[in-house]
């Protein structure tokens, strides 16, 4: 029996796979390597190359590895892509997730951890956004992720599915150099590339002051997420009862954090990842 980690060869996925490995939990990785790297995976972790939209392949993996839970991290990386090609984004993000859920439901896999996004909230009306804040995404990317959450909620009502959605923002940092963030579109690689080249890093949203930092600073650090005790061996709790562990580092916003602070939405900004 194993946990299926879709997108497990990606930047966040590589940290999640290592966390599962440290906890002594078996997993299998499904990744099409469109943005991930097979070298991100630690030795001994089964890897299948392919996408979640490939129903027969997903079915073979779930059946062959006796999957009992799924951590879904696969999907289109850049939020800007969804704005430029919304139909392709819906096909990739929403359609792929629907196919994955179809297979999981057929095999009675009743535990799902879903990588969502804080973009589901849209421009906040208050300075503090809590888990109970209204969801009003203003981008195609945010809407595709919110639809994924709705599908999980509908399956919970219909089948008793246990699930949680992690609404993270600008995940950054790395646990080891072996799985460092090298994506040129991510925040830290861009900043350090500018510094090495003698350029002044450009921060989108810097014209909207916050008490401590530009709005892009809201983050979670992969070395502390997921925590050592996550996911529970007995299965993830329902989203409404999810209680985050106490850590000294920032936690991602959404179902695993009580609240996060955010400045007013910018009038215009470039596309950025999650």
Protein backbone atom coordinates (compact mmCIF):
# COMPACT_ATOMS: atom_id res chain seq x y z
CA UNK A 1 0.00 0.00 0.00
CA UNK A 2 1.30 3.47 -0.85
CA UNK A 3 0.49 7.13 -1.24
CA UNK A 4 0.37 8.42 -4.80
CA UNK A 5 2.21 11.73 -5.20
CA UNK A 6 1.33 13.39 -8.49
CA UNK A 7 3.92 15.93 -9.56
CA UNK A 8 6.31 14.33 -7.07
CA UNK A 9 9.36 15.07 -9.20
CA UNK A 10 8.66 18.80 -9.04
CA UNK A 11 10.07 21.36 -6.63
CA UNK A 12 7.42 21.03 -3.92
CA UNK A 13 6.82 17.36 -4.69
CA UNK A 14 10.45 16.48 -4.05
CA UNK A 15 10.14 17.84 -0.50
CA UNK A 16 6.86 16.03 0.07
CA UNK A 17 8.29 12.70 -1.13
CA UNK A 18 11.25 13.07 1.22
CA UNK A 19 8.93 13.89 4.11
CA UNK A 20 6.95 10.73 3.45
CA UNK A 21 10.15 8.73 3.20
CA UNK A 22 11.42 10.09 6.53
CA UNK A 23 8.11 9.14 8.12
CA UNK A 24 8.54 5.58 6.87
CA UNK A 25 5.56 5.81 4.51
CA UNK A 26 5.62 4.18 1.08
CA UNK A 27 4.80 6.29 -1.96
CA UNK A 28 4.81 6.18 -5.74
CA UNK A 29 5.39 9.23 -7.92
CA UNK A 30 3.50 10.07 -11.11
CA UNK A 31 5.00 12.98 -13.05
CA UNK A 32 5.18 13.91 -16.73
CA UNK A 33 8.44 15.85 -16.11
CA UNK A 34 7.08 18.92 -17.87
CA UNK A 35 8.60 20.99 -15.07
CA UNK A 36 9.92 18.35 -12.67
CA UNK A 37 13.18 16.42 -12.76
CA UNK A 38 13.63 12.70 -12.16
CA UNK A 39 16.88 13.52 -10.32
CA UNK A 40 14.79 15.23 -7.64
CA UNK A 41 13.56 11.86 -6.43
CA UNK A 42 15.44 9.98 -3.72
CA UNK A 43 16.69 6.49 -4.43
CA UNK A 44 14.21 3.70 -4.01
CA UNK A 45 11.04 5.70 -4.71
CA UNK A 46 8.98 4.16 -7.54
CA UNK A 47 8.52 6.59 -10.43
CA UNK A 48 6.07 6.45 -13.33
CA UNK A 49 6.34 9.02 -16.09
CA UNK A 50 2.98 10.28 -17.25
CA UNK A 51 0.17 12.76 -16.62
CA UNK A 52 -2.94 12.62 -14.46
CA UNK A 53 -5.08 13.05 -17.58
CA UNK A 54 -4.00 9.57 -18.79
CA UNK A 55 -6.83 7.54 -17.30
CA UNK A 56 -5.53 4.08 -18.18
CA UNK A 57 -2.04 4.85 -16.86
CA UNK A 58 -3.37 6.32 -13.62
CA UNK A 59 -5.62 3.30 -13.17
CA UNK A 60 -2.65 0.97 -13.68
CA UNK A 61 -0.57 2.87 -11.09
CA UNK A 62 -3.34 3.04 -8.48
CA UNK A 63 -4.13 -0.65 -8.91
CA UNK A 64 -0.54 -1.87 -9.21
CA UNK A 65 0.79 -0.03 -6.17
CA UNK A 66 -2.37 -0.51 -4.09
CA UNK A 67 -2.71 3.22 -3.55
CA UNK A 68 -4.59 4.20 -0.39
CA UNK A 69 -4.17 7.99 -0.52
CA UNK A 70 -3.17 10.71 -2.96
CA UNK A 71 -1.24 13.97 -2.64
CA UNK A 72 -2.06 15.92 -5.79
CA UNK A 73 0.64 18.43 -6.75
CA UNK A 74 0.63 18.07 -10.52
CA UNK A 75 -0.67 20.88 -12.68
CA UNK A 76 0.23 23.91 -14.73
CA UNK A 77 2.97 25.81 -12.94
CA UNK A 78 2.50 29.42 -14.03
CA UNK A 79 -0.59 31.43 -13.16
CA UNK A 80 -0.03 33.61 -16.23
CA UNK A 81 -0.61 30.62 -18.49
CA UNK A 82 -4.21 30.36 -17.29
CA UNK A 83 -4.91 33.97 -18.21
CA UNK A 84 -3.36 33.69 -21.66
CA UNK A 85 -4.84 30.26 -22.48
CA UNK A 86 -7.81 29.75 -20.12
CA UNK A 87 -9.32 26.77 -21.95
CA UNK A 88 -5.99 24.95 -21.95
CA UNK A 89 -5.66 25.69 -18.24
CA UNK A 90 -9.11 24.29 -17.49
CA UNK A 91 -8.25 21.19 -19.52
CA UNK A 92 -4.90 20.71 -17.78
CA UNK A 93 -5.76 21.64 -14.19
CA UNK A 94 -9.46 20.90 -13.82
CA UNK A 95 -9.80 18.15 -16.43
CA UNK A 96 -6.71 16.32 -15.25
CA UNK A 97 -7.86 16.42 -11.64
CA UNK A 98 -11.29 15.13 -12.63
CA UNK A 99 -9.68 12.15 -14.36
CA UNK A 100 -7.53 11.47 -11.31
CA UNK A 101 -10.54 11.62 -9.00
CA UNK A 102 -12.46 9.28 -11.31
CA UNK A 103 -9.80 6.63 -10.91
CA UNK A 104 -9.37 7.18 -7.17
CA UNK A 105 -13.11 6.91 -6.63
CA UNK A 106 -13.32 3.72 -8.70
CA UNK A 107 -10.66 2.14 -6.47
CA UNK A 108 -12.23 3.52 -3.27
CA UNK A 109 -9.21 5.64 -2.37
CA UNK A 110 -10.70 7.90 0.28
CA UNK A 111 -7.84 10.24 1.25
CA UNK A 112 -6.75 13.20 -0.88
CA UNK A 113 -4.46 16.14 -0.14
CA UNK A 114 -4.92 18.84 -2.77
CA UNK A 115 -2.46 21.57 -3.66
CA UNK A 116 -4.72 24.57 -4.15
CA UNK A 117 -3.77 28.26 -4.07
CA UNK A 118 -4.50 31.42 -2.08
CA UNK A 119 -5.64 32.89 -5.40
CA UNK A 120 -9.05 31.38 -4.63
CA UNK A 121 -9.66 34.31 -2.27
CA UNK A 122 -9.23 37.06 -4.84
CA UNK A 123 -8.62 40.66 -3.71
CA UNK A 124 -9.23 40.72 0.05
CA UNK A 125 -11.63 43.15 1.66
CA UNK A 126 -9.75 43.03 4.97
CA UNK A 127 -6.08 43.07 5.93
CA UNK A 128 -6.33 39.60 7.45
CA UNK A 129 -7.56 36.69 5.36
CA UNK A 130 -8.69 33.63 7.30
CA UNK A 131 -9.73 30.20 6.12
CA UNK A 132 -13.34 31.31 6.37
CA UNK A 133 -12.88 34.30 4.07
CA UNK A 134 -15.08 34.37 0.95
CA UNK A 135 -13.62 32.73 -2.14
CA UNK A 136 -13.85 35.10 -5.09
CA UNK A 137 -10.98 34.37 -7.49
CA UNK A 138 -10.33 36.94 -10.18
CA UNK A 139 -8.02 34.79 -12.33
CA UNK A 140 -8.59 31.66 -14.37
CA UNK A 141 -5.90 29.96 -12.29
CA UNK A 142 -7.71 30.68 -9.04
CA UNK A 143 -11.00 29.50 -10.52
CA UNK A 144 -9.56 26.21 -11.79
CA UNK A 145 -8.19 25.47 -8.32
CA UNK A 146 -11.45 26.42 -6.61
CA UNK A 147 -13.34 24.08 -8.92
CA UNK A 148 -10.98 21.34 -7.76
CA UNK A 149 -11.92 22.10 -4.15
CA UNK A 150 -15.62 21.96 -5.08
CA UNK A 151 -15.15 18.54 -6.67
CA UNK A 152 -13.56 17.28 -3.46
CA UNK A 153 -16.40 18.69 -1.36
CA UNK A 154 -19.01 17.07 -3.62
CA UNK A 155 -17.21 13.73 -3.38
CA UNK A 156 -17.07 14.08 0.39
CA UNK A 157 -20.84 14.40 0.49
CA UNK A 158 -21.37 11.56 -1.98
CA UNK A 159 -18.72 9.03 -0.91
CA UNK A 160 -17.30 10.15 2.43
CA UNK A 161 -13.98 11.18 0.88
CA UNK A 162 -11.53 12.61 3.40
CA UNK A 163 -9.61 15.56 1.99
CA UNK A 164 -7.79 18.79 2.69
CA UNK A 165 -6.79 21.67 0.40
CA UNK A 166 -3.58 23.61 0.95
CA UNK A 167 -3.89 27.23 -0.20
CA UNK A 168 -0.25 28.16 -0.38
CA UNK A 169 1.44 31.36 -1.59
CA UNK A 170 4.90 31.70 -3.16
CA UNK A 171 6.49 28.57 -1.76
CA UNK A 172 10.24 29.13 -1.48
CA UNK A 173 13.44 27.73 -0.02
CA UNK A 174 14.85 24.22 -0.10
CA UNK A 175 15.77 21.56 2.41
CA UNK A 176 18.98 20.49 0.65
CA UNK A 177 21.01 21.68 -2.37
CA UNK A 178 19.95 18.50 -4.16
CA UNK A 179 16.38 19.79 -4.47
CA UNK A 180 17.05 23.50 -4.69
CA UNK A 181 14.56 25.68 -6.55
CA UNK A 182 16.02 26.31 -10.00
CA UNK A 183 12.91 27.50 -11.82
CA UNK A 184 13.77 30.88 -13.40
CA UNK A 185 10.18 32.08 -12.91
CA UNK A 186 10.15 31.56 -9.14
CA UNK A 187 10.84 34.37 -6.69
CA UNK A 188 14.12 33.33 -5.05
CA UNK A 189 15.88 32.11 -8.22
CA UNK A 190 14.96 35.38 -9.94
CA UNK A 191 16.21 37.49 -7.04
CA UNK A 192 19.53 35.66 -6.76
CA UNK A 193 20.01 35.64 -10.54
CA UNK A 194 19.55 39.43 -10.56
CA UNK A 195 21.98 39.87 -7.67
CA UNK A 196 24.62 37.69 -9.33
CA UNK A 197 24.22 39.72 -12.51
CA UNK A 198 24.48 43.05 -10.71
CA UNK A 199 20.84 43.94 -11.34
CA UNK A 200 18.40 45.32 -8.79
CA UNK A 201 15.65 42.71 -8.24
CA UNK A 202 12.23 43.92 -9.35
CA UNK A 203 9.46 43.21 -6.84
CA UNK A 204 5.90 43.33 -8.15
CA UNK A 205 3.51 44.92 -5.68
CA UNK A 206 6.18 46.98 -3.91
CA UNK A 207 4.00 50.06 -4.38
CA UNK A 208 1.57 48.64 -1.83
CA UNK A 209 3.20 48.89 1.60
CA UNK A 210 2.66 46.31 4.33
CA UNK A 211 3.88 46.46 7.96
CA UNK A 212 6.83 44.16 7.25
CA UNK A 213 7.50 43.41 3.60
CA UNK A 214 6.16 43.43 0.03
CA UNK A 215 3.15 41.22 -0.49
CA UNK A 216 5.26 38.60 -2.28
CA UNK A 217 6.89 37.75 1.06
CA UNK A 218 3.95 35.66 2.22
CA UNK A 219 5.38 32.17 1.97
CA UNK A 220 5.90 28.74 3.40
CA UNK A 221 9.23 27.01 3.67
CA UNK A 222 9.38 23.48 2.21
CA UNK A 223 11.72 22.14 4.93
CA UNK A 224 8.86 22.61 7.43
CA UNK A 225 6.00 21.60 5.12
CA UNK A 226 4.64 19.05 5.32
CA UNK A 227 5.49 18.52 8.99
CA UNK A 228 6.95 15.28 10.25
CA UNK A 229 3.62 13.94 11.40
CA UNK A 230 1.78 14.68 8.15
CA UNK A 231 -0.15 13.05 6.60
CA UNK A 232 -1.49 10.98 9.51
CA UNK A 233 -0.91 7.26 9.17
CA UNK A 234 -4.57 6.67 9.83
CA UNK A 235 -5.65 9.02 7.05
CA UNK A 236 -6.07 12.74 6.62
CA UNK A 237 -8.78 14.46 8.60
CA UNK A 238 -11.70 16.18 6.99
CA UNK A 239 -10.89 19.66 5.82
CA UNK A 240 -13.24 21.25 8.33
CA UNK A 241 -11.38 19.60 11.21
CA UNK A 242 -7.80 19.99 10.02
CA UNK A 243 -5.56 21.18 12.88
CA UNK A 244 -2.08 22.39 11.91
CA UNK A 245 0.92 21.29 13.95
CA UNK A 246 2.80 23.94 15.90
CA UNK A 247 5.99 25.02 14.14
CA UNK A 248 8.26 28.01 14.36
CA UNK A 249 8.21 28.64 10.62
CA UNK A 250 5.44 30.22 8.53
CA UNK A 251 2.72 27.83 7.44
CA UNK A 252 1.02 27.93 4.04
CA UNK A 253 -2.29 29.72 3.92
CA UNK A 254 -5.50 27.78 3.55
CA UNK A 255 -6.53 24.53 5.15
CA UNK A 256 -3.27 24.16 7.09
CA UNK A 257 -3.01 27.68 8.50
CA UNK A 258 -5.21 29.75 10.75
CA UNK A 259 -4.71 32.99 8.86
CA UNK A 260 -2.30 34.99 6.75
CA UNK A 261 -1.78 38.71 6.24
CA UNK A 262 -1.96 40.39 2.90
CA UNK A 263 -1.79 43.94 1.55
CA UNK A 264 -4.39 45.40 -0.83
CA UNK A 265 -4.40 43.80 -4.26
CA UNK A 266 -2.09 45.50 -6.81
CA UNK A 267 -3.57 47.41 -9.69
CA UNK A 268 -1.37 45.54 -12.13
CA UNK A 269 1.37 42.97 -11.78
CA UNK A 270 3.17 40.43 -13.89
CA UNK A 271 2.22 36.79 -13.85
CA UNK A 272 3.73 34.91 -10.96
CA UNK A 273 3.69 31.29 -9.82
CA UNK A 274 0.91 30.45 -7.35
